[in-house]
């Protein structure tokens, strides 16, 4: 399989980490939605990342859809999202919060990087930051409730992957203070030591994907 997109995108990175955890080899095409838009559009008319190209040539887009496909591919015994019940509900809720953190973080980064200073709209940036920090506060509570453990159940799940990749992104791209969210920061540090995470180290030159 081929994973298209740069690892400075938290959405691309959570797919890469998930594939590593599931033992699914992939070719990584480190393409930017700005610089490599034409190449990406050959696989995904939206020109968005992540895009996953399957062995039969089928292209899938949107990280939630990709993660669902990967879980279906490996089966319920290995899937990173719990299959049913309260654990599934709680994992999906944490994933939604983490996606919100990532989305609002990306919007703030894009406003700063791609708009000239005189055209940046600070009230919009402030609103995105407020929403991001609201979600981070809830993720902090979730991590504090299970110190030294996984967020859902007794094993690493997609809740951990999505939370950590979103957190690492906003720390690197926006310099969010680790001291403001100590439990979340500690959980992320522990996960980032795992080989599945280390294989997609972030490069925080200005985000482009």
N, C-alpha and C. Protein backbone atom coordinates (compact mmCIF):
# COMPACT_ATOMS: atom_id res chain seq x y z
N UNK A 1 0.84 -1.19 0.00
CA UNK A 1 0.00 0.00 0.00
C UNK A 1 0.88 1.25 0.00
N UNK A 2 0.29 2.34 -0.45
CA UNK A 2 1.01 3.61 -0.54
C UNK A 2 0.27 4.64 0.31
N UNK A 3 0.97 5.27 1.23
CA UNK A 3 0.40 6.34 2.05
C UNK A 3 0.96 7.67 1.55
N UNK A 4 0.05 8.54 1.13
CA UNK A 4 0.43 9.83 0.57
C UNK A 4 0.18 10.93 1.60
N UNK A 5 1.18 11.77 1.82
CA UNK A 5 1.05 12.89 2.72
C UNK A 5 2.26 13.02 3.62
N UNK A 6 2.48 14.23 4.12
CA UNK A 6 3.63 14.50 4.98
C UNK A 6 3.29 14.22 6.44
N UNK A 7 4.28 13.80 7.19
CA UNK A 7 4.05 13.46 8.60
C UNK A 7 3.88 14.68 9.48
N UNK A 8 4.05 15.90 8.93
CA UNK A 8 3.72 17.07 9.73
C UNK A 8 2.21 17.27 9.79
N UNK A 9 1.45 16.47 9.07
CA UNK A 9 -0.01 16.41 9.23
C UNK A 9 -0.36 15.39 10.29
N UNK A 10 -1.08 15.78 11.35
CA UNK A 10 -1.45 14.80 12.36
C UNK A 10 -2.39 13.73 11.82
N UNK A 11 -3.10 14.04 10.76
CA UNK A 11 -4.02 13.07 10.17
C UNK A 11 -3.27 12.01 9.37
N UNK A 12 -2.26 12.44 8.62
CA UNK A 12 -1.40 11.47 7.94
C UNK A 12 -0.66 10.63 8.96
N UNK A 13 -0.15 11.29 9.99
CA UNK A 13 0.70 10.58 10.94
C UNK A 13 -0.08 9.53 11.71
N UNK A 14 -1.34 9.79 12.07
CA UNK A 14 -2.06 8.78 12.84
C UNK A 14 -2.34 7.54 11.99
N UNK A 15 -2.46 7.72 10.68
CA UNK A 15 -2.60 6.56 9.80
C UNK A 15 -1.28 5.78 9.74
N UNK A 16 -0.17 6.50 9.61
CA UNK A 16 1.13 5.84 9.55
C UNK A 16 1.41 5.07 10.84
N UNK A 17 1.17 5.69 11.99
CA UNK A 17 1.40 5.01 13.26
C UNK A 17 0.51 3.78 13.37
N UNK A 18 -0.74 3.91 12.95
CA UNK A 18 -1.66 2.78 13.02
C UNK A 18 -1.19 1.62 12.14
N UNK A 19 -0.71 1.93 10.95
CA UNK A 19 -0.22 0.88 10.06
C UNK A 19 1.02 0.21 10.66
N UNK A 20 1.88 1.00 11.29
CA UNK A 20 3.04 0.41 11.96
C UNK A 20 2.61 -0.52 13.09
N UNK A 21 1.65 -0.07 13.88
CA UNK A 21 1.19 -0.89 15.01
C UNK A 21 0.54 -2.19 14.52
N UNK A 22 -0.13 -2.12 13.39
CA UNK A 22 -0.81 -3.30 12.86
C UNK A 22 0.11 -4.17 12.00
N UNK A 23 1.35 -3.75 11.82
CA UNK A 23 2.29 -4.54 11.04
C UNK A 23 1.98 -4.55 9.56
N UNK A 24 1.43 -3.43 9.05
CA UNK A 24 1.07 -3.34 7.63
C UNK A 24 2.11 -2.48 6.91
N UNK A 25 2.96 -3.09 6.09
CA UNK A 25 3.99 -2.30 5.41
C UNK A 25 3.37 -1.36 4.38
N UNK A 26 4.02 -0.22 4.18
CA UNK A 26 3.53 0.74 3.20
C UNK A 26 4.68 1.54 2.64
N UNK A 27 4.47 2.02 1.43
CA UNK A 27 5.38 2.99 0.82
C UNK A 27 4.88 4.38 1.18
N UNK A 28 5.77 5.22 1.66
CA UNK A 28 5.38 6.58 2.03
C UNK A 28 5.80 7.55 0.95
N UNK A 29 4.83 8.31 0.44
CA UNK A 29 5.13 9.37 -0.50
C UNK A 29 4.94 10.70 0.23
N UNK A 30 6.06 11.33 0.47
CA UNK A 30 6.12 12.53 1.31
C UNK A 30 5.72 13.76 0.49
N UNK A 31 4.45 13.79 0.09
CA UNK A 31 3.97 14.83 -0.80
C UNK A 31 3.20 15.90 -0.05
N UNK A 32 3.39 17.13 -0.46
CA UNK A 32 2.73 18.29 0.13
C UNK A 32 1.50 18.66 -0.67
N UNK A 33 0.43 19.06 0.04
CA UNK A 33 -0.78 19.48 -0.66
C UNK A 33 -0.57 20.79 -1.42
N UNK A 34 0.48 21.51 -1.10
CA UNK A 34 0.81 22.71 -1.85
C UNK A 34 1.73 22.40 -3.01
N UNK A 35 2.90 21.91 -2.71
CA UNK A 35 3.92 21.68 -3.73
C UNK A 35 3.55 20.55 -4.69
N UNK A 36 2.88 19.51 -4.19
CA UNK A 36 2.64 18.30 -4.97
C UNK A 36 1.16 18.08 -5.27
N UNK A 37 0.40 19.18 -5.34
CA UNK A 37 -1.04 19.07 -5.53
C UNK A 37 -1.42 18.27 -6.76
N UNK A 38 -0.74 18.49 -7.87
CA UNK A 38 -1.08 17.79 -9.11
C UNK A 38 -0.86 16.29 -8.97
N UNK A 39 0.23 15.90 -8.32
CA UNK A 39 0.51 14.47 -8.13
C UNK A 39 -0.53 13.83 -7.22
N UNK A 40 -0.91 14.53 -6.15
CA UNK A 40 -1.90 13.98 -5.23
C UNK A 40 -3.24 13.80 -5.93
N UNK A 41 -3.61 14.76 -6.77
CA UNK A 41 -4.90 14.71 -7.45
C UNK A 41 -5.00 13.55 -8.43
N UNK A 42 -3.90 12.99 -8.83
CA UNK A 42 -3.95 11.79 -9.67
C UNK A 42 -4.54 10.61 -8.90
N UNK A 43 -4.41 10.63 -7.59
CA UNK A 43 -4.95 9.55 -6.75
C UNK A 43 -6.21 9.97 -6.00
N UNK A 44 -6.35 11.26 -5.75
CA UNK A 44 -7.47 11.77 -4.97
C UNK A 44 -7.90 13.11 -5.56
N UNK A 45 -9.04 13.14 -6.27
CA UNK A 45 -9.45 14.39 -6.92
C UNK A 45 -9.60 15.57 -5.97
N UNK A 46 -9.83 15.30 -4.68
CA UNK A 46 -9.90 16.38 -3.71
C UNK A 46 -8.54 17.02 -3.46
N UNK A 47 -7.49 16.30 -3.78
CA UNK A 47 -6.15 16.82 -3.53
C UNK A 47 -5.80 16.89 -2.06
N UNK A 48 -6.41 16.02 -1.26
CA UNK A 48 -6.22 16.07 0.19
C UNK A 48 -5.39 14.88 0.67
N UNK A 49 -4.81 15.06 1.83
CA UNK A 49 -4.09 13.97 2.49
C UNK A 49 -4.69 13.78 3.89
N UNK A 50 -4.56 12.55 4.41
CA UNK A 50 -3.92 11.39 3.81
C UNK A 50 -4.76 10.76 2.71
N UNK A 51 -4.06 10.17 1.76
CA UNK A 51 -4.66 9.29 0.77
C UNK A 51 -3.92 7.96 0.87
N UNK A 52 -4.69 6.88 0.86
CA UNK A 52 -4.10 5.54 0.93
C UNK A 52 -4.45 4.81 -0.36
N UNK A 53 -3.42 4.37 -1.06
CA UNK A 53 -3.60 3.62 -2.31
C UNK A 53 -3.42 2.14 -1.99
N UNK A 54 -4.48 1.36 -2.21
CA UNK A 54 -4.46 -0.05 -1.90
C UNK A 54 -3.71 -0.83 -2.98
N UNK A 55 -3.43 -2.09 -2.68
CA UNK A 55 -2.66 -2.92 -3.61
C UNK A 55 -3.35 -3.08 -4.95
N UNK A 56 -4.69 -2.99 -4.97
CA UNK A 56 -5.41 -3.14 -6.24
C UNK A 56 -5.58 -1.81 -6.97
N UNK A 57 -4.97 -0.75 -6.45
CA UNK A 57 -5.03 0.55 -7.09
C UNK A 57 -6.14 1.45 -6.59
N UNK A 58 -7.04 0.94 -5.74
CA UNK A 58 -8.10 1.76 -5.17
C UNK A 58 -7.52 2.81 -4.25
N UNK A 59 -8.01 4.04 -4.35
CA UNK A 59 -7.55 5.13 -3.48
C UNK A 59 -8.63 5.45 -2.46
N UNK A 60 -8.23 5.57 -1.20
CA UNK A 60 -9.12 5.94 -0.11
C UNK A 60 -8.64 7.26 0.48
N UNK A 61 -9.58 8.10 0.93
CA UNK A 61 -9.21 9.37 1.53
C UNK A 61 -9.98 9.59 2.82
N UNK A 62 -9.51 10.53 3.62
CA UNK A 62 -10.02 10.90 4.95
C UNK A 62 -9.52 9.89 5.98
N UNK A 63 -8.86 10.41 7.00
CA UNK A 63 -8.20 9.52 7.95
C UNK A 63 -9.17 8.63 8.71
N UNK A 64 -10.38 9.12 9.03
CA UNK A 64 -11.34 8.26 9.71
C UNK A 64 -11.68 7.06 8.84
N UNK A 65 -11.90 7.28 7.53
CA UNK A 65 -12.21 6.18 6.63
C UNK A 65 -11.03 5.23 6.50
N UNK A 66 -9.84 5.78 6.45
CA UNK A 66 -8.64 4.94 6.33
C UNK A 66 -8.47 4.07 7.57
N UNK A 67 -8.65 4.65 8.74
CA UNK A 67 -8.50 3.88 9.98
C UNK A 67 -9.55 2.78 10.06
N UNK A 68 -10.77 3.07 9.64
CA UNK A 68 -11.81 2.05 9.63
C UNK A 68 -11.45 0.91 8.68
N UNK A 69 -10.93 1.26 7.50
CA UNK A 69 -10.52 0.24 6.54
C UNK A 69 -9.42 -0.65 7.14
N UNK A 70 -8.43 -0.03 7.76
CA UNK A 70 -7.32 -0.81 8.33
C UNK A 70 -7.81 -1.77 9.40
N UNK A 71 -8.73 -1.32 10.25
CA UNK A 71 -9.28 -2.21 11.28
C UNK A 71 -10.05 -3.36 10.66
N UNK A 72 -10.82 -3.07 9.62
CA UNK A 72 -11.55 -4.14 8.94
C UNK A 72 -10.58 -5.11 8.27
N UNK A 73 -9.48 -4.58 7.76
CA UNK A 73 -8.49 -5.42 7.06
C UNK A 73 -7.85 -6.43 8.01
N UNK A 74 -7.51 -5.99 9.20
CA UNK A 74 -6.82 -6.91 10.13
C UNK A 74 -7.79 -7.73 10.96
N UNK A 75 -9.06 -7.34 11.04
CA UNK A 75 -10.05 -8.10 11.78
C UNK A 75 -10.21 -7.61 13.21
N UNK A 76 -11.35 -7.96 13.84
CA UNK A 76 -11.68 -7.42 15.17
C UNK A 76 -10.69 -7.79 16.27
N UNK A 77 -10.00 -8.91 16.12
CA UNK A 77 -9.05 -9.31 17.15
C UNK A 77 -7.83 -8.41 17.24
N UNK A 78 -7.50 -7.71 16.15
CA UNK A 78 -6.32 -6.85 16.13
C UNK A 78 -6.68 -5.39 15.94
N UNK A 79 -7.92 -5.09 15.65
CA UNK A 79 -8.33 -3.72 15.36
C UNK A 79 -7.96 -2.77 16.49
N UNK A 80 -7.59 -1.55 16.14
CA UNK A 80 -7.20 -0.56 17.15
C UNK A 80 -8.39 0.14 17.78
N UNK A 81 -9.56 0.07 17.15
CA UNK A 81 -10.77 0.61 17.73
C UNK A 81 -11.59 -0.53 18.31
N UNK A 82 -11.94 -0.48 19.61
CA UNK A 82 -12.75 -1.56 20.19
C UNK A 82 -14.03 -1.77 19.37
N UNK A 83 -14.46 -3.02 19.20
CA UNK A 83 -15.54 -3.31 18.26
C UNK A 83 -16.93 -2.91 18.74
N UNK A 84 -17.17 -2.96 20.04
CA UNK A 84 -18.52 -2.72 20.54
C UNK A 84 -18.48 -2.11 21.94
N UNK A 85 -19.67 -1.71 22.41
CA UNK A 85 -19.86 -1.38 23.81
C UNK A 85 -19.30 -0.04 24.24
N UNK A 86 -19.17 0.11 25.57
CA UNK A 86 -18.72 1.36 26.14
C UNK A 86 -17.29 1.72 25.74
N UNK A 87 -16.45 0.71 25.57
CA UNK A 87 -15.07 1.01 25.17
C UNK A 87 -15.04 1.64 23.78
N UNK A 88 -15.88 1.14 22.88
CA UNK A 88 -15.93 1.73 21.55
C UNK A 88 -16.46 3.17 21.62
N UNK A 89 -17.54 3.36 22.40
CA UNK A 89 -18.11 4.69 22.54
C UNK A 89 -17.09 5.67 23.09
N UNK A 90 -16.39 5.27 24.15
CA UNK A 90 -15.43 6.17 24.79
C UNK A 90 -14.23 6.43 23.88
N UNK A 91 -13.80 5.40 23.16
CA UNK A 91 -12.68 5.59 22.24
C UNK A 91 -13.06 6.56 21.12
N UNK A 92 -14.25 6.42 20.57
CA UNK A 92 -14.70 7.33 19.52
C UNK A 92 -14.80 8.77 20.02
N UNK A 93 -15.22 8.93 21.26
CA UNK A 93 -15.31 10.28 21.82
C UNK A 93 -13.93 10.91 21.96
N UNK A 94 -12.96 10.14 22.44
CA UNK A 94 -11.60 10.67 22.55
C UNK A 94 -11.01 10.96 21.18
N UNK A 95 -11.30 10.10 20.22
CA UNK A 95 -10.83 10.34 18.85
C UNK A 95 -11.42 11.62 18.28
N UNK A 96 -12.71 11.85 18.57
CA UNK A 96 -13.35 13.07 18.08
C UNK A 96 -12.70 14.30 18.70
N UNK A 97 -12.42 14.26 19.99
CA UNK A 97 -11.74 15.38 20.65
C UNK A 97 -10.35 15.60 20.05
N UNK A 98 -9.61 14.50 19.84
CA UNK A 98 -8.27 14.62 19.27
C UNK A 98 -8.32 15.18 17.85
N UNK A 99 -9.31 14.75 17.08
CA UNK A 99 -9.45 15.29 15.72
C UNK A 99 -9.76 16.78 15.76
N UNK A 100 -10.58 17.19 16.73
CA UNK A 100 -10.87 18.61 16.89
C UNK A 100 -9.63 19.40 17.23
N UNK A 101 -8.80 18.87 18.12
CA UNK A 101 -7.53 19.52 18.45
C UNK A 101 -6.69 19.68 17.20
N UNK A 102 -6.57 18.60 16.43
CA UNK A 102 -5.75 18.63 15.22
C UNK A 102 -6.30 19.63 14.20
N UNK A 103 -7.62 19.60 13.98
CA UNK A 103 -8.23 20.49 13.00
C UNK A 103 -8.03 21.96 13.37
N UNK A 104 -8.30 22.28 14.64
CA UNK A 104 -8.16 23.68 15.06
C UNK A 104 -6.70 24.10 15.09
N UNK A 105 -5.82 23.16 15.38
CA UNK A 105 -4.40 23.47 15.33
C UNK A 105 -3.93 23.74 13.92
N UNK A 106 -4.38 22.93 12.97
CA UNK A 106 -4.01 23.13 11.57
C UNK A 106 -4.52 24.48 11.07
N UNK A 107 -5.75 24.84 11.42
CA UNK A 107 -6.29 26.12 10.98
C UNK A 107 -5.46 27.29 11.51
N UNK A 108 -5.03 27.21 12.76
CA UNK A 108 -4.20 28.27 13.31
C UNK A 108 -2.86 28.34 12.59
N UNK A 109 -2.27 27.18 12.33
CA UNK A 109 -0.98 27.16 11.64
C UNK A 109 -1.11 27.71 10.23
N UNK A 110 -2.16 27.32 9.54
CA UNK A 110 -2.35 27.80 8.17
C UNK A 110 -2.57 29.31 8.13
N UNK A 111 -3.32 29.84 9.10
CA UNK A 111 -3.56 31.28 9.14
C UNK A 111 -2.24 32.03 9.27
N UNK A 112 -1.35 31.48 10.08
CA UNK A 112 -0.06 32.14 10.31
C UNK A 112 0.89 31.97 9.14
N UNK A 113 0.86 30.78 8.51
CA UNK A 113 1.87 30.45 7.51
C UNK A 113 1.49 30.95 6.12
N UNK A 114 0.22 30.82 5.78
CA UNK A 114 -0.18 31.06 4.40
C UNK A 114 -0.83 32.42 4.15
N UNK A 115 -1.25 33.11 5.19
CA UNK A 115 -1.83 34.44 4.99
C UNK A 115 -0.79 35.51 5.31
N UNK A 116 -0.73 36.55 4.51
CA UNK A 116 0.13 37.69 4.88
C UNK A 116 -0.33 38.25 6.22
N UNK A 117 0.61 38.80 6.98
CA UNK A 117 0.30 39.27 8.33
C UNK A 117 -0.86 40.26 8.34
N UNK A 118 -0.93 41.12 7.32
CA UNK A 118 -1.97 42.15 7.31
C UNK A 118 -3.36 41.57 7.01
N UNK A 119 -3.42 40.32 6.56
CA UNK A 119 -4.71 39.71 6.25
C UNK A 119 -5.13 38.66 7.26
N UNK A 120 -4.31 38.42 8.27
CA UNK A 120 -4.67 37.46 9.30
C UNK A 120 -5.78 38.03 10.18
N UNK A 121 -6.72 37.18 10.52
CA UNK A 121 -7.89 37.61 11.29
C UNK A 121 -7.76 37.06 12.71
N UNK A 122 -7.27 37.89 13.61
CA UNK A 122 -6.96 37.43 14.96
C UNK A 122 -8.17 36.89 15.72
N UNK A 123 -9.37 37.47 15.61
CA UNK A 123 -10.51 36.88 16.30
C UNK A 123 -10.78 35.44 15.87
N UNK A 124 -10.55 35.14 14.59
CA UNK A 124 -10.73 33.77 14.11
C UNK A 124 -9.66 32.85 14.72
N UNK A 125 -8.42 33.32 14.75
CA UNK A 125 -7.35 32.53 15.36
C UNK A 125 -7.64 32.28 16.83
N UNK A 126 -8.09 33.33 17.53
CA UNK A 126 -8.40 33.19 18.96
C UNK A 126 -9.52 32.18 19.19
N UNK A 127 -10.53 32.21 18.33
CA UNK A 127 -11.63 31.26 18.47
C UNK A 127 -11.15 29.83 18.28
N UNK A 128 -10.32 29.61 17.25
CA UNK A 128 -9.78 28.27 17.02
C UNK A 128 -8.94 27.81 18.22
N UNK A 129 -8.15 28.72 18.77
CA UNK A 129 -7.32 28.38 19.92
C UNK A 129 -8.18 28.02 21.13
N UNK A 130 -9.25 28.77 21.35
CA UNK A 130 -10.13 28.48 22.47
C UNK A 130 -10.77 27.10 22.32
N UNK A 131 -11.21 26.78 21.12
CA UNK A 131 -11.80 25.46 20.88
C UNK A 131 -10.76 24.35 21.08
N UNK A 132 -9.56 24.58 20.57
CA UNK A 132 -8.49 23.60 20.72
C UNK A 132 -8.18 23.34 22.18
N UNK A 133 -8.04 24.41 22.96
CA UNK A 133 -7.70 24.24 24.37
C UNK A 133 -8.85 23.62 25.16
N UNK A 134 -10.09 23.86 24.74
CA UNK A 134 -11.21 23.19 25.39
C UNK A 134 -11.14 21.69 25.22
N UNK A 135 -10.81 21.24 24.01
CA UNK A 135 -10.67 19.81 23.78
C UNK A 135 -9.43 19.25 24.48
N UNK A 136 -8.34 20.01 24.49
CA UNK A 136 -7.14 19.55 25.20
C UNK A 136 -7.41 19.36 26.69
N UNK A 137 -8.22 20.22 27.27
CA UNK A 137 -8.54 20.09 28.69
C UNK A 137 -9.26 18.78 28.97
N UNK A 138 -10.12 18.37 28.08
CA UNK A 138 -10.82 17.10 28.27
C UNK A 138 -9.89 15.91 28.07
N UNK A 139 -8.99 16.01 27.10
CA UNK A 139 -8.01 14.94 26.92
C UNK A 139 -7.06 14.86 28.11
N UNK A 140 -6.72 16.00 28.70
CA UNK A 140 -5.90 16.01 29.91
C UNK A 140 -6.59 15.25 31.04
N UNK A 141 -7.88 15.48 31.21
CA UNK A 141 -8.64 14.76 32.24
C UNK A 141 -8.63 13.26 31.98
N UNK A 142 -8.77 12.86 30.72
CA UNK A 142 -8.78 11.44 30.38
C UNK A 142 -7.43 10.81 30.69
N UNK A 143 -6.34 11.51 30.38
CA UNK A 143 -5.01 10.97 30.68
C UNK A 143 -4.74 10.94 32.18
N UNK A 144 -5.19 11.96 32.88
CA UNK A 144 -4.97 12.01 34.33
C UNK A 144 -5.74 10.90 35.04
N UNK A 145 -6.87 10.48 34.47
CA UNK A 145 -7.67 9.43 35.09
C UNK A 145 -7.02 8.05 34.96
N UNK A 146 -6.06 7.91 34.03
CA UNK A 146 -5.41 6.62 33.82
C UNK A 146 -3.91 6.82 33.69
N UNK A 147 -3.26 7.32 34.74
CA UNK A 147 -1.81 7.59 34.65
C UNK A 147 -1.02 6.29 34.44
N UNK A 148 -0.09 6.34 33.51
CA UNK A 148 0.74 5.18 33.25
C UNK A 148 0.02 4.04 32.60
N UNK A 149 -1.17 4.28 32.07
CA UNK A 149 -1.97 3.22 31.47
C UNK A 149 -2.45 3.71 30.11
N UNK A 150 -3.15 2.83 29.40
CA UNK A 150 -3.75 3.22 28.13
C UNK A 150 -5.09 3.90 28.39
N UNK A 151 -5.56 4.67 27.44
CA UNK A 151 -6.75 5.47 27.65
C UNK A 151 -8.02 4.63 27.70
N UNK A 152 -8.04 3.53 26.95
CA UNK A 152 -9.21 2.68 26.88
C UNK A 152 -8.79 1.24 27.14
N UNK A 153 -9.40 0.61 28.13
CA UNK A 153 -9.12 -0.80 28.38
C UNK A 153 -7.69 -1.05 28.81
N UNK A 154 -7.18 -2.21 28.42
CA UNK A 154 -5.87 -2.65 28.89
C UNK A 154 -4.82 -2.68 27.80
N UNK A 155 -5.11 -2.08 26.66
CA UNK A 155 -4.13 -2.08 25.58
C UNK A 155 -4.21 -0.76 24.82
N UNK A 156 -3.16 -0.49 24.06
CA UNK A 156 -3.13 0.71 23.24
C UNK A 156 -4.22 0.61 22.18
N UNK A 157 -5.00 1.67 22.03
CA UNK A 157 -6.06 1.71 21.02
C UNK A 157 -5.90 2.95 20.16
N UNK A 158 -6.83 3.10 19.23
CA UNK A 158 -6.82 4.27 18.36
C UNK A 158 -7.03 5.56 19.15
N UNK A 159 -7.65 5.46 20.33
CA UNK A 159 -7.78 6.65 21.18
C UNK A 159 -6.41 7.19 21.56
N UNK A 160 -5.48 6.30 21.89
CA UNK A 160 -4.12 6.73 22.22
C UNK A 160 -3.41 7.30 21.00
N UNK A 161 -3.53 6.61 19.87
CA UNK A 161 -2.83 7.05 18.66
C UNK A 161 -3.30 8.43 18.24
N UNK A 162 -4.62 8.63 18.17
CA UNK A 162 -5.15 9.91 17.71
C UNK A 162 -4.84 11.04 18.69
N UNK A 163 -4.93 10.73 19.98
CA UNK A 163 -4.64 11.74 21.00
C UNK A 163 -3.19 12.17 20.95
N UNK A 164 -2.29 11.22 20.87
CA UNK A 164 -0.86 11.54 20.91
C UNK A 164 -0.42 12.26 19.63
N UNK A 165 -0.88 11.82 18.47
CA UNK A 165 -0.45 12.48 17.24
C UNK A 165 -1.00 13.91 17.16
N UNK A 166 -2.21 14.13 17.66
CA UNK A 166 -2.74 15.50 17.69
C UNK A 166 -1.94 16.36 18.66
N UNK A 167 -1.65 15.83 19.84
CA UNK A 167 -0.90 16.58 20.84
C UNK A 167 0.50 16.93 20.35
N UNK A 168 1.20 15.96 19.80
CA UNK A 168 2.55 16.21 19.34
C UNK A 168 2.56 17.27 18.24
N UNK A 169 1.53 17.27 17.41
CA UNK A 169 1.43 18.28 16.37
C UNK A 169 1.29 19.68 16.96
N UNK A 170 0.35 19.88 17.89
CA UNK A 170 0.13 21.25 18.39
C UNK A 170 1.29 21.73 19.24
N UNK A 171 1.99 20.81 19.89
CA UNK A 171 3.19 21.23 20.63
C UNK A 171 4.26 21.71 19.66
N UNK A 172 4.46 20.94 18.60
CA UNK A 172 5.50 21.30 17.64
C UNK A 172 5.15 22.48 16.77
N UNK A 173 3.93 22.53 16.27
CA UNK A 173 3.54 23.57 15.32
C UNK A 173 3.14 24.87 15.98
N UNK A 174 2.54 24.77 17.18
CA UNK A 174 2.00 25.96 17.84
C UNK A 174 2.65 26.27 19.18
N UNK A 175 3.61 25.43 19.59
CA UNK A 175 4.31 25.60 20.86
C UNK A 175 3.33 25.64 22.05
N UNK A 176 2.32 24.78 22.00
CA UNK A 176 1.44 24.63 23.16
C UNK A 176 2.28 24.15 24.34
N UNK A 177 2.04 24.73 25.51
CA UNK A 177 2.86 24.45 26.69
C UNK A 177 2.57 23.06 27.26
N UNK A 178 3.61 22.26 27.39
CA UNK A 178 3.45 20.94 27.99
C UNK A 178 3.10 21.05 29.47
N UNK A 179 3.57 22.11 30.13
CA UNK A 179 3.28 22.25 31.56
C UNK A 179 1.80 22.52 31.82
N UNK A 180 1.08 23.00 30.82
CA UNK A 180 -0.34 23.26 30.99
C UNK A 180 -1.16 21.98 30.97
N UNK A 181 -0.60 20.92 30.41
CA UNK A 181 -1.30 19.65 30.27
C UNK A 181 -0.34 18.51 30.64
N UNK A 182 0.04 18.41 31.91
CA UNK A 182 1.11 17.48 32.28
C UNK A 182 0.78 16.01 32.07
N UNK A 183 -0.47 15.61 32.33
CA UNK A 183 -0.83 14.21 32.15
C UNK A 183 -0.82 13.84 30.67
N UNK A 184 -1.36 14.71 29.84
CA UNK A 184 -1.36 14.48 28.40
C UNK A 184 0.06 14.45 27.85
N UNK A 185 0.88 15.38 28.30
CA UNK A 185 2.27 15.41 27.84
C UNK A 185 3.01 14.15 28.26
N UNK A 186 2.78 13.68 29.47
CA UNK A 186 3.44 12.47 29.93
C UNK A 186 3.01 11.25 29.15
N UNK A 187 1.71 11.16 28.88
CA UNK A 187 1.20 10.03 28.09
C UNK A 187 1.81 10.05 26.69
N UNK A 188 1.90 11.22 26.10
CA UNK A 188 2.48 11.34 24.76
C UNK A 188 3.94 10.95 24.75
N UNK A 189 4.69 11.38 25.75
CA UNK A 189 6.12 11.03 25.79
C UNK A 189 6.30 9.52 25.84
N UNK A 190 5.47 8.84 26.63
CA UNK A 190 5.58 7.38 26.74
C UNK A 190 5.28 6.72 25.39
N UNK A 191 4.23 7.19 24.73
CA UNK A 191 3.87 6.59 23.44
C UNK A 191 4.91 6.90 22.36
N UNK A 192 5.45 8.11 22.38
CA UNK A 192 6.40 8.50 21.34
C UNK A 192 7.69 7.69 21.39
N UNK A 193 7.93 7.00 22.49
CA UNK A 193 9.10 6.13 22.59
C UNK A 193 8.90 4.81 21.86
N UNK A 194 7.66 4.46 21.55
CA UNK A 194 7.38 3.20 20.87
C UNK A 194 7.84 3.28 19.42
N UNK A 195 8.39 2.18 18.89
CA UNK A 195 8.89 2.21 17.50
C UNK A 195 7.83 2.62 16.49
N UNK A 196 6.58 2.26 16.70
CA UNK A 196 5.53 2.60 15.74
C UNK A 196 5.35 4.10 15.61
N UNK A 197 5.61 4.83 16.69
CA UNK A 197 5.54 6.29 16.65
C UNK A 197 6.85 6.88 16.14
N UNK A 198 7.96 6.33 16.59
CA UNK A 198 9.27 6.87 16.24
C UNK A 198 9.52 6.81 14.74
N UNK A 199 8.90 5.86 14.05
CA UNK A 199 9.12 5.71 12.61
C UNK A 199 8.49 6.82 11.79
N UNK A 200 7.70 7.67 12.43
CA UNK A 200 7.09 8.80 11.68
C UNK A 200 7.36 10.10 12.42
N UNK A 201 8.63 10.31 12.75
CA UNK A 201 8.99 11.52 13.47
C UNK A 201 8.52 12.77 12.72
N UNK A 202 8.09 13.75 13.46
CA UNK A 202 7.59 14.97 12.87
C UNK A 202 8.72 15.91 12.49
N UNK A 203 8.52 16.61 11.40
CA UNK A 203 9.44 17.66 10.97
C UNK A 203 8.67 18.97 11.04
N UNK A 204 9.00 19.82 11.99
CA UNK A 204 8.23 21.04 12.13
C UNK A 204 8.91 22.23 11.50
N UNK A 205 9.33 22.02 10.25
CA UNK A 205 9.40 23.15 9.36
C UNK A 205 7.94 23.52 9.13
N UNK A 206 7.64 24.68 8.56
CA UNK A 206 6.23 25.08 8.45
C UNK A 206 5.37 23.99 7.86
N UNK A 207 4.23 23.62 8.50
CA UNK A 207 3.36 22.57 7.98
C UNK A 207 2.85 22.92 6.60
N UNK A 208 2.83 21.90 5.75
CA UNK A 208 2.35 22.09 4.39
C UNK A 208 1.30 21.06 4.02
N UNK A 209 0.89 20.21 4.94
CA UNK A 209 -0.10 19.17 4.62
C UNK A 209 -0.97 18.92 5.81
